[in-house]
């Protein structure tokens, strides 16, 4: 078993992972606002891109969560994570159902209110994705992602000026 890396390493990796996730969020946001070559053959391309956006947003949140365990800078990111979650209150539900479609299809998903008949029923108006009775606004998501990345980057700057692990 590997030992826990030093805090400075965790912070730099968290920042790198958050940066990658933010680029992915921006890519998906752009794709959702554009016409893509496969649109003629795959009319639900927007649906796939929305699910990729959800995954990227959750990956960003998990990467930023690494910073919560570093006491010297955790306050900045904890606040940013609370704001991120507040801006995207339905993100976890969408991600969890999307990642466990098999369980929901079989009627054994953890969220008992989610029915198998809801799994492929959604709408998209160019800004808001409505699915499972909840909504995700992609503009809000893009802004929330950027704010979270900035908080992680600020934590790295603060830590660099403080004690090294």
Protein backbone atom coordinates (compact mmCIF):
# COMPACT_ATOMS: atom_id res chain seq x y z
CA UNK A 1 0.00 0.00 0.00
CA UNK A 2 1.31 3.42 -0.90
CA UNK A 3 1.66 6.09 1.72
CA UNK A 4 -0.36 9.28 1.56
CA UNK A 5 1.37 11.84 -0.63
CA UNK A 6 2.52 15.16 0.87
CA UNK A 7 -0.07 17.93 1.01
CA UNK A 8 1.76 19.94 -1.66
CA UNK A 9 1.50 16.98 -4.05
CA UNK A 10 -2.21 16.53 -3.29
CA UNK A 11 -2.84 20.21 -3.92
CA UNK A 12 -0.97 20.29 -7.22
CA UNK A 13 -2.72 17.12 -8.42
CA UNK A 14 -6.11 18.42 -7.33
CA UNK A 15 -5.48 21.64 -9.24
CA UNK A 16 -4.39 19.69 -12.33
CA UNK A 17 -7.42 17.38 -12.17
CA UNK A 18 -9.75 20.35 -11.65
CA UNK A 19 -8.20 22.18 -14.58
CA UNK A 20 -8.69 19.14 -16.82
CA UNK A 21 -12.29 18.74 -15.66
CA UNK A 22 -12.99 22.45 -16.30
CA UNK A 23 -11.67 22.18 -19.83
CA UNK A 24 -13.96 19.18 -20.30
CA UNK A 25 -16.94 21.11 -18.90
CA UNK A 26 -16.17 23.98 -21.28
CA UNK A 27 -15.84 21.54 -24.19
CA UNK A 28 -19.21 19.96 -23.44
CA UNK A 29 -20.80 23.39 -22.96
CA UNK A 30 -19.49 24.45 -26.37
CA UNK A 31 -20.68 21.22 -28.02
CA UNK A 32 -24.13 21.70 -26.55
CA UNK A 33 -24.32 25.14 -28.14
CA UNK A 34 -23.05 24.04 -31.55
CA UNK A 35 -23.97 21.92 -34.53
CA UNK A 36 -21.79 18.84 -34.70
CA UNK A 37 -21.06 16.56 -37.69
CA UNK A 38 -22.88 13.57 -36.19
CA UNK A 39 -26.12 15.47 -35.52
CA UNK A 40 -27.75 14.25 -38.72
CA UNK A 41 -27.28 10.58 -37.85
CA UNK A 42 -27.50 10.79 -34.05
CA UNK A 43 -30.41 13.01 -33.09
CA UNK A 44 -29.76 12.46 -29.37
CA UNK A 45 -26.15 13.69 -29.48
CA UNK A 46 -27.16 16.49 -27.12
CA UNK A 47 -28.29 13.87 -24.61
CA UNK A 48 -24.93 12.12 -24.71
CA UNK A 49 -23.08 15.42 -24.37
CA UNK A 50 -25.20 16.38 -21.38
CA UNK A 51 -24.32 13.13 -19.65
CA UNK A 52 -20.62 13.71 -20.40
CA UNK A 53 -21.03 17.20 -18.91
CA UNK A 54 -22.54 15.73 -15.76
CA UNK A 55 -19.64 13.29 -15.41
CA UNK A 56 -17.08 16.08 -15.90
CA UNK A 57 -18.80 18.24 -13.29
CA UNK A 58 -18.80 15.41 -10.75
CA UNK A 59 -15.15 14.64 -11.51
CA UNK A 60 -14.35 18.31 -10.89
CA UNK A 61 -16.17 18.20 -7.57
CA UNK A 62 -14.34 15.06 -6.46
CA UNK A 63 -10.96 16.49 -7.43
CA UNK A 64 -11.67 19.71 -5.53
CA UNK A 65 -12.77 17.61 -2.57
CA UNK A 66 -9.18 16.40 -2.20
CA UNK A 67 -8.31 19.84 -0.84
CA UNK A 68 -10.84 19.53 2.00
CA UNK A 69 -8.37 17.26 3.82
CA UNK A 70 -5.62 19.88 4.00
CA UNK A 71 -6.36 21.98 7.09
CA UNK A 72 -4.20 24.96 6.11
CA UNK A 73 -6.37 25.73 3.06
CA UNK A 74 -9.52 23.67 3.42
CA UNK A 75 -11.80 26.58 4.39
CA UNK A 76 -11.56 28.26 0.97
CA UNK A 77 -12.45 25.08 -0.88
CA UNK A 78 -15.12 23.96 1.58
CA UNK A 79 -16.92 27.24 1.00
CA UNK A 80 -16.45 26.91 -2.77
CA UNK A 81 -17.77 23.33 -2.69
CA UNK A 82 -20.84 24.46 -0.77
CA UNK A 83 -21.45 27.17 -3.38
CA UNK A 84 -20.89 24.65 -6.20
CA UNK A 85 -23.39 22.22 -4.65
CA UNK A 86 -25.86 25.04 -4.07
CA UNK A 87 -25.56 26.15 -7.71
CA UNK A 88 -26.01 22.59 -8.99
CA UNK A 89 -28.28 20.92 -6.42
CA UNK A 90 -29.40 18.11 -8.73
CA UNK A 91 -26.01 17.14 -10.08
CA UNK A 92 -25.50 14.17 -7.74
CA UNK A 93 -28.91 12.73 -8.53
CA UNK A 94 -28.33 13.00 -12.27
CA UNK A 95 -24.86 11.50 -12.03
CA UNK A 96 -25.86 8.67 -9.73
CA UNK A 97 -28.86 7.61 -11.81
CA UNK A 98 -26.85 7.94 -15.02
CA UNK A 99 -24.04 5.79 -13.66
CA UNK A 100 -26.38 3.17 -12.23
CA UNK A 101 -28.92 2.90 -15.04
CA UNK A 102 -28.81 -0.87 -14.70
CA UNK A 103 -30.03 -0.75 -11.10
CA UNK A 104 -32.79 1.71 -11.96
CA UNK A 105 -33.86 -0.35 -14.95
CA UNK A 106 -34.18 -3.37 -12.65
CA UNK A 107 -36.05 -1.35 -10.01
CA UNK A 108 -33.30 -1.62 -7.39
CA UNK A 109 -31.82 1.89 -7.53
CA UNK A 110 -31.17 3.71 -4.26
CA UNK A 111 -33.50 6.59 -5.08
CA UNK A 112 -36.86 4.84 -4.89
CA UNK A 113 -38.69 7.79 -6.40
CA UNK A 114 -36.84 7.29 -9.71
CA UNK A 115 -38.83 5.00 -11.96
CA UNK A 116 -37.47 3.03 -14.93
CA UNK A 117 -39.93 4.89 -17.16
CA UNK A 118 -38.01 8.13 -16.46
CA UNK A 119 -34.61 6.90 -17.63
CA UNK A 120 -34.95 7.95 -21.26
CA UNK A 121 -37.39 10.81 -20.83
CA UNK A 122 -35.78 14.23 -20.79
CA UNK A 123 -35.92 17.61 -22.45
CA UNK A 124 -33.38 20.16 -23.61
CA UNK A 125 -34.14 23.78 -24.44
CA UNK A 126 -30.60 24.83 -25.35
CA UNK A 127 -29.75 25.95 -21.82
CA UNK A 128 -31.55 23.69 -19.37
CA UNK A 129 -31.57 19.90 -19.28
CA UNK A 130 -34.61 18.51 -17.49
CA UNK A 131 -34.44 14.86 -16.44
CA UNK A 132 -35.77 12.85 -13.50
CA UNK A 133 -37.94 15.79 -12.48
CA UNK A 134 -34.92 18.07 -11.94
CA UNK A 135 -32.98 20.56 -14.04
CA UNK A 136 -29.38 21.37 -14.91
CA UNK A 137 -28.60 24.77 -16.43
CA UNK A 138 -25.40 24.50 -18.48
CA UNK A 139 -24.52 28.19 -18.12
CA UNK A 140 -24.77 27.95 -14.35
CA UNK A 141 -22.70 24.76 -14.49
CA UNK A 142 -19.94 26.42 -16.52
CA UNK A 143 -19.79 29.37 -14.12
CA UNK A 144 -19.81 27.13 -11.03
CA UNK A 145 -16.99 25.03 -12.49
CA UNK A 146 -14.84 28.10 -13.07
CA UNK A 147 -15.43 29.41 -9.56
CA UNK A 148 -14.48 26.06 -8.03
CA UNK A 149 -11.29 25.85 -10.09
CA UNK A 150 -10.34 29.36 -8.98
CA UNK A 151 -10.85 28.37 -5.33
CA UNK A 152 -8.61 25.33 -5.74
CA UNK A 153 -5.96 27.43 -7.52
CA UNK A 154 -6.16 30.00 -4.69
CA UNK A 155 -5.67 27.20 -2.16
CA UNK A 156 -2.52 26.10 -3.96
CA UNK A 157 -1.22 29.70 -3.93
CA UNK A 158 -2.00 30.05 -0.21
CA UNK A 159 -0.32 26.78 0.62
CA UNK A 160 2.77 27.61 -1.46
CA UNK A 161 3.25 30.65 0.74
CA UNK A 162 2.81 28.61 3.93
CA UNK A 163 4.15 25.41 5.44
CA UNK A 164 5.15 22.60 3.07
CA UNK A 165 4.07 19.11 4.04
